[in-house]
C-alpha atoms as a PDB file:
ATOM      1  CA  MET A   1     -16.156  -1.992  16.272  1.00  0.00           C
ATOM      2  CA  ILE A   2     -17.008   0.614  13.629  1.00  0.00           C
ATOM      3  CA  ARG A   3     -14.719   3.166  15.290  1.00  0.00           C
ATOM      4  CA  ILE A   4     -11.799   0.701  15.284  1.00  0.00           C
ATOM      5  CA  ALA A   5     -12.446  -0.261  11.648  1.00  0.00           C
ATOM      6  CA  ARG A   6     -12.684   3.410  10.656  1.00  0.00           C
ATOM      7  CA  TRP A   7      -9.362   4.365  12.230  1.00  0.00           C
ATOM      8  CA  TRP A   8      -7.661   1.190  11.030  1.00  0.00           C
ATOM      9  CA  LEU A   9      -8.710   1.935   7.454  1.00  0.00           C
ATOM     10  CA  PHE A  10      -7.631   5.565   7.867  1.00  0.00           C
ATOM     11  CA  ALA A  11      -4.185   4.452   9.132  1.00  0.00           C
ATOM     12  CA  SER A  12      -3.950   1.986   6.241  1.00  0.00           C
ATOM     13  CA  GLY A  13      -4.727   4.760   3.759  1.00  0.00           C
ATOM     14  CA  LEU A  14      -2.110   7.030   5.338  1.00  0.00           C
ATOM     15  CA  LEU A  15       0.489   4.254   5.175  1.00  0.00           C
ATOM     16  CA  CYS A  16      -0.290   3.845   1.467  1.00  0.00           C
ATOM     17  CA  VAL A  17       0.229   7.590   0.971  1.00  0.00           C
ATOM     18  CA  ALA A  18       3.559   7.334   2.818  1.00  0.00           C
ATOM     19  CA  GLY A  19       4.542   4.359   0.657  1.00  0.00           C
ATOM     20  CA  ALA A  20       3.652   6.282  -2.492  1.00  0.00           C
ATOM     21  CA  LEU A  21       5.778   9.241  -1.396  1.00  0.00           C
ATOM     22  CA  VAL A  22       8.717   6.946  -0.598  1.00  0.00           C
ATOM     23  CA  HIS A  23       8.426   5.345  -4.035  1.00  0.00           C
ATOM     24  CA  LEU A  24       8.447   8.790  -5.657  1.00  0.00           C
ATOM     25  CA  ALA A  25      11.538   9.786  -3.648  1.00  0.00           C
ATOM     26  CA  ILE A  26      13.587   6.645  -4.311  1.00  0.00           C
ATOM     27  CA  PRO A  27      14.600   7.572  -7.896  1.00  0.00           C
ATOM     28  CA  LEU A  28      15.844  10.922  -6.597  1.00  0.00           C
ATOM     29  CA  GLY A  29      18.184   9.133  -4.169  1.00  0.00           C
ATOM     30  CA  GLY A  30      19.764   6.967  -6.834  1.00  0.00           C
ATOM     31  CA  PRO A  31      20.952   3.348  -6.664  1.00  0.00           C
ATOM     32  CA  ALA A  32      21.800   3.552  -2.953  1.00  0.00           C
ATOM     33  CA  TRP A  33      18.157   4.319  -2.143  1.00  0.00           C
ATOM     34  CA  TYR A  34      16.906   1.501  -4.357  1.00  0.00           C
ATOM     35  CA  ASN A  35      19.198  -0.850  -2.473  1.00  0.00           C
ATOM     36  CA  TYR A  36      18.266   0.522   0.960  1.00  0.00           C
ATOM     37  CA  TRP A  37      14.524   0.204   0.315  1.00  0.00           C
ATOM     38  CA  GLY A  38      14.881  -3.413  -0.838  1.00  0.00           C
ATOM     39  CA  ALA A  39      14.605  -3.209  -4.616  1.00  0.00           C
ATOM     40  CA  PRO A  40      15.638  -6.374  -6.480  1.00  0.00           C
ATOM     41  CA  HIS A  41      19.337  -6.446  -7.335  1.00  0.00           C
ATOM     42  CA  GLY A  42      18.617  -6.239 -11.064  1.00  0.00           C
ATOM     43  CA  LEU A  43      16.682  -3.014 -10.565  1.00  0.00           C
ATOM     44  CA  VAL A  44      19.524  -1.551  -8.487  1.00  0.00           C
ATOM     45  CA  ALA A  45      21.969  -2.438 -11.269  1.00  0.00           C
ATOM     46  CA  MET A  46      19.712  -0.803 -13.874  1.00  0.00           C
ATOM     47  CA  ALA A  47      19.509   2.356 -11.736  1.00  0.00           C
ATOM     48  CA  ALA A  48      23.306   2.388 -11.447  1.00  0.00           C
ATOM     49  CA  ALA A  49      23.529   2.098 -15.249  1.00  0.00           C
ATOM     50  CA  GLY A  50      21.254   5.117 -15.632  1.00  0.00           C
ATOM     51  CA  LEU A  51      18.347   3.235 -17.203  1.00  0.00           C
ATOM     52  CA  VAL A  52      14.833   4.659 -16.861  1.00  0.00           C
ATOM     53  CA  ARG A  53      13.030   1.387 -15.981  1.00  0.00           C
ATOM     54  CA  PRO A  54      13.682   1.599 -12.203  1.00  0.00           C
ATOM     55  CA  ALA A  55      12.190   5.096 -12.043  1.00  0.00           C
ATOM     56  CA  VAL A  56       9.161   4.020 -14.106  1.00  0.00           C
ATOM     57  CA  THR A  57       8.695   1.011 -11.803  1.00  0.00           C
ATOM     58  CA  CYS A  58       8.725   3.291  -8.752  1.00  0.00           C
ATOM     59  CA  VAL A  59       6.230   5.688 -10.325  1.00  0.00           C
ATOM     60  CA  VAL A  60       3.881   2.821 -11.225  1.00  0.00           C
ATOM     61  CA  ILE A  61       4.062   1.448  -7.665  1.00  0.00           C
ATOM     62  CA  ALA A  62       3.485   4.965  -6.277  1.00  0.00           C
ATOM     63  CA  CYS A  63       0.403   5.345  -8.504  1.00  0.00           C
ATOM     64  CA  LEU A  64      -0.993   2.002  -7.326  1.00  0.00           C
ATOM     65  CA  LEU A  65      -0.443   2.958  -3.691  1.00  0.00           C
ATOM     66  CA  ALA A  66      -2.110   6.330  -4.313  1.00  0.00           C
ATOM     67  CA  ILE A  67      -5.118   4.546  -5.832  1.00  0.00           C
ATOM     68  CA  PHE A  68      -5.214   2.238  -2.793  1.00  0.00           C
ATOM     69  CA  ALA A  69      -5.211   5.299  -0.527  1.00  0.00           C
ATOM     70  CA  GLY A  70      -7.938   6.898  -2.631  1.00  0.00           C
ATOM     71  CA  TYR A  71     -10.190   3.887  -2.081  1.00  0.00           C
ATOM     72  CA  ALA A  72      -9.562   3.959   1.662  1.00  0.00           C
ATOM     73  CA  PHE A  73     -10.381   7.651   1.854  1.00  0.00           C
ATOM     74  CA  SER A  74     -13.421   7.140  -0.384  1.00  0.00           C
ATOM     75  CA  ALA A  75     -14.791   4.506   1.993  1.00  0.00           C
ATOM     76  CA  LEU A  76     -14.278   6.967   4.823  1.00  0.00           C
ATOM     77  CA  GLY A  77     -16.195   9.672   2.955  1.00  0.00           C
ATOM     78  CA  LEU A  78     -13.166  11.957   2.705  1.00  0.00           C
ATOM     79  CA  VAL A  79     -13.190  11.998  -1.113  1.00  0.00           C
ATOM     80  CA  HIS A  80     -15.922  11.333  -3.662  1.00  0.00           C
ATOM     81  CA  ARG A  81     -17.166   7.771  -3.824  1.00  0.00           C
ATOM     82  CA  LEU A  82     -15.129   5.587  -6.182  1.00  0.00           C
ATOM     83  CA  PRO A  83     -16.580   2.787  -8.320  1.00  0.00           C
ATOM     84  CA  ALA A  84     -16.857  -0.754  -6.924  1.00  0.00           C
ATOM     85  CA  GLU A  85     -15.569   0.532  -3.595  1.00  0.00           C
ATOM     86  CA  ARG A  86     -16.214  -2.503  -1.390  1.00  0.00           C
ATOM     87  CA  LEU A  87     -15.054  -4.954  -4.061  1.00  0.00           C
ATOM     88  CA  VAL A  88     -11.806  -3.059  -4.650  1.00  0.00           C
ATOM     89  CA  LEU A  89     -11.174  -2.678  -0.904  1.00  0.00           C
ATOM     90  CA  GLY A  90     -11.622  -6.444  -0.547  1.00  0.00           C
ATOM     91  CA  ILE A  91      -9.278  -7.227  -3.432  1.00  0.00           C
ATOM     92  CA  ILE A  92      -6.615  -4.857  -2.084  1.00  0.00           C
ATOM     93  CA  GLY A  93      -6.983  -6.328   1.404  1.00  0.00           C
ATOM     94  CA  LEU A  94      -6.802  -9.931   0.220  1.00  0.00           C
ATOM     95  CA  GLY A  95      -3.790  -9.168  -1.965  1.00  0.00           C
ATOM     96  CA  LEU A  96      -1.904  -7.526   0.890  1.00  0.00           C
ATOM     97  CA  VAL A  97      -2.752 -10.266   3.379  1.00  0.00           C
ATOM     98  CA  ALA A  98      -1.699 -12.911   0.824  1.00  0.00           C
ATOM     99  CA  HIS A  99       1.573 -11.033   0.301  1.00  0.00           C
ATOM    100  CA  ALA A 100       2.113 -10.854   4.072  1.00  0.00           C
ATOM    101  CA  VAL A 101       1.671 -14.613   4.369  1.00  0.00           C
ATOM    102  CA  TRP A 102       3.548 -15.539   1.176  1.00  0.00           C
ATOM    103  CA  LEU A 103       6.698 -13.470   1.694  1.00  0.00           C
ATOM    104  CA  PRO A 104       8.073 -15.181   4.832  1.00  0.00           C
ATOM    105  CA  ILE A 105       7.119 -18.614   3.502  1.00  0.00           C
ATOM    106  CA  ALA A 106       8.860 -17.905   0.192  1.00  0.00           C
ATOM    107  CA  ALA A 107      11.919 -16.539   2.010  1.00  0.00           C
ATOM    108  CA  VAL A 108      12.263 -19.889   3.797  1.00  0.00           C
ATOM    109  CA  LYS A 109      11.058 -22.352   1.115  1.00  0.00           C
ATOM    110  CA  ASP A 110      12.323 -20.637  -2.060  1.00  0.00           C
ATOM    111  CA  PRO A 111      14.807 -17.861  -1.283  1.00  0.00           C
ATOM    112  CA  TRP A 112      15.568 -17.340  -4.973  1.00  0.00           C
ATOM    113  CA  ALA A 113      11.919 -16.515  -5.811  1.00  0.00           C
ATOM    114  CA  ALA A 114      11.619 -14.185  -2.821  1.00  0.00           C
ATOM    115  CA  GLY A 115      14.884 -12.512  -3.812  1.00  0.00           C
ATOM    116  CA  GLN A 116      13.493 -11.812  -7.290  1.00  0.00           C
ATOM    117  CA  THR A 117      10.663  -9.704  -5.866  1.00  0.00           C
ATOM    118  CA  CYS A 118      12.724  -7.970  -3.206  1.00  0.00           C
ATOM    119  CA  GLY A 119      16.454  -7.422  -2.935  1.00  0.00           C
ATOM    120  CA  ARG A 120      16.530  -8.073   0.809  1.00  0.00           C
ATOM    121  CA  CYS A 121      14.051 -10.964   0.849  1.00  0.00           C
ATOM    122  CA  GLY A 122      16.330 -13.899   0.008  1.00  0.00           C
ATOM    123  CA  SER A 123      16.126 -15.166   3.587  1.00  0.00           C
ATOM    124  CA  LEU A 124      13.881 -14.800   6.602  1.00  0.00           C
ATOM    125  CA  ASN A 125      15.253 -11.634   8.185  1.00  0.00           C
ATOM    126  CA  ALA A 126      14.028  -8.512   9.962  1.00  0.00           C
ATOM    127  CA  PHE A 127      13.190  -6.768   6.670  1.00  0.00           C
ATOM    128  CA  VAL A 128      10.932  -9.639   5.572  1.00  0.00           C
ATOM    129  CA  VAL A 129       9.200  -9.761   8.947  1.00  0.00           C
ATOM    130  CA  GLU A 130       8.674  -5.978   8.999  1.00  0.00           C
ATOM    131  CA  MET A 131       7.329  -5.848   5.437  1.00  0.00           C
ATOM    132  CA  SER A 132       5.023  -8.787   6.136  1.00  0.00           C
ATOM    133  CA  ALA A 133       3.719  -7.163   9.316  1.00  0.00           C
ATOM    134  CA  LEU A 134       3.153  -3.883   7.464  1.00  0.00           C
ATOM    135  CA  CYS A 135       1.296  -5.610   4.614  1.00  0.00           C
ATOM    136  CA  LEU A 136      -0.779  -7.575   7.126  1.00  0.00           C
ATOM    137  CA  PHE A 137      -1.708  -4.420   9.064  1.00  0.00           C
ATOM    138  CA  ILE A 138      -2.684  -2.509   5.927  1.00  0.00           C
ATOM    139  CA  GLY A 139      -4.447  -5.519   4.405  1.00  0.00           C
ATOM    140  CA  VAL A 140      -6.588  -6.069   7.490  1.00  0.00           C
ATOM    141  CA  GLY A 141      -7.530  -2.369   7.414  1.00  0.00           C
ATOM    142  CA  TYR A 142      -8.742  -2.713   3.830  1.00  0.00           C
ATOM    143  CA  LEU A 143     -10.615  -5.931   4.625  1.00  0.00           C
ATOM    144  CA  LEU A 144     -12.346  -4.149   7.491  1.00  0.00           C
ATOM    145  CA  GLY A 145     -13.280  -1.393   5.053  1.00  0.00           C
ATOM    146  CA  ALA A 146     -14.782  -3.952   2.676  1.00  0.00           C
ATOM    147  CA  TRP A 147     -16.597  -5.753   5.463  1.00  0.00           C
ATOM    148  CA  ARG A 148     -18.054  -2.680   7.231  1.00  0.00           C
ATOM    149  CA  PRO A 149     -19.876  -0.598   4.594  1.00  0.00           C
ATOM    150  CA  ASN A 150     -20.734   2.432   6.770  1.00  0.00           C
ATOM    151  CA  LEU A 151     -17.341   3.777   7.798  1.00  0.00           C
ATOM    152  CA  ALA A 152     -17.771   7.295   6.444  1.00  0.00           C
ATOM    153  CA  ILE A 153     -16.443   9.971   8.771  1.00  0.00           C
ATOM    154  CA  ARG A 154     -18.672  12.430   6.928  1.00  0.00           C
ATOM    155  CA  PRO A 155     -21.058  12.008   3.975  1.00  0.00           C
ATOM    156  CA  THR A 156     -19.112  11.841   0.729  1.00  0.00           C
ATOM    157  CA  GLY A 157     -18.917  15.071  -1.237  1.00  0.00           C
ATOM    158  CA  CYS A 158     -20.731  17.105   1.376  1.00  0.00           C
ATOM    159  CA  SER A 159     -18.940  19.697   3.470  1.00  0.00           C
ATOM    160  CA  PRO A 160     -20.309  20.660   6.901  1.00  0.00           C
ATOM    161  CA  ALA A 161     -21.358  24.039   5.463  1.00  0.00           C
ATOM    162  CA  THR A 162     -23.329  22.362   2.659  1.00  0.00           C
ATOM    163  CA  ARG A 163     -25.052  20.005   5.113  1.00  0.00           C
ATOM    164  CA  ALA A 164     -26.052  23.003   7.274  1.00  0.00           C
ATOM    165  CA  ARG A 165     -27.638  24.794   4.282  1.00  0.00           C
ATOM    166  CA  VAL A 166     -29.520  21.660   3.177  1.00  0.00           C
ATOM    167  CA  SER A 167     -30.947  20.940   6.648  1.00  0.00           C
END
């Protein structure tokens, strides 16, 4: 079980890194990229008007995803231990699982509300299902990281060479 949890959390961290990189690339692609990646219609219109808010929004989301990845890699012992690691992993996991459950329900029950958070989420469609599945996968990885405290691939902050000298 620990091996599965370890690799699941690692995959979740990598997906967060990929998401952060996508969010950093979107402003470079212009309004067409905002639209393609499901930004709300108002954000696409602001990007078309040359306003800075869409780019700032993408950078903020990229920073959050990078922090999420940092916590995953910290739990795996790949970077220095971060504060409140298990608590933060649990909060991230619960938030992502809640988002995965909420999005399809909102797309069916209140398409307007879902459309405000995502440009392609105004109905239950393939995009909504894919985003929900992705959030569920990543969220479960983070919950596993919070639940299983000893997932470190190697001791935090200690390279193999340092461990050999200490032994």
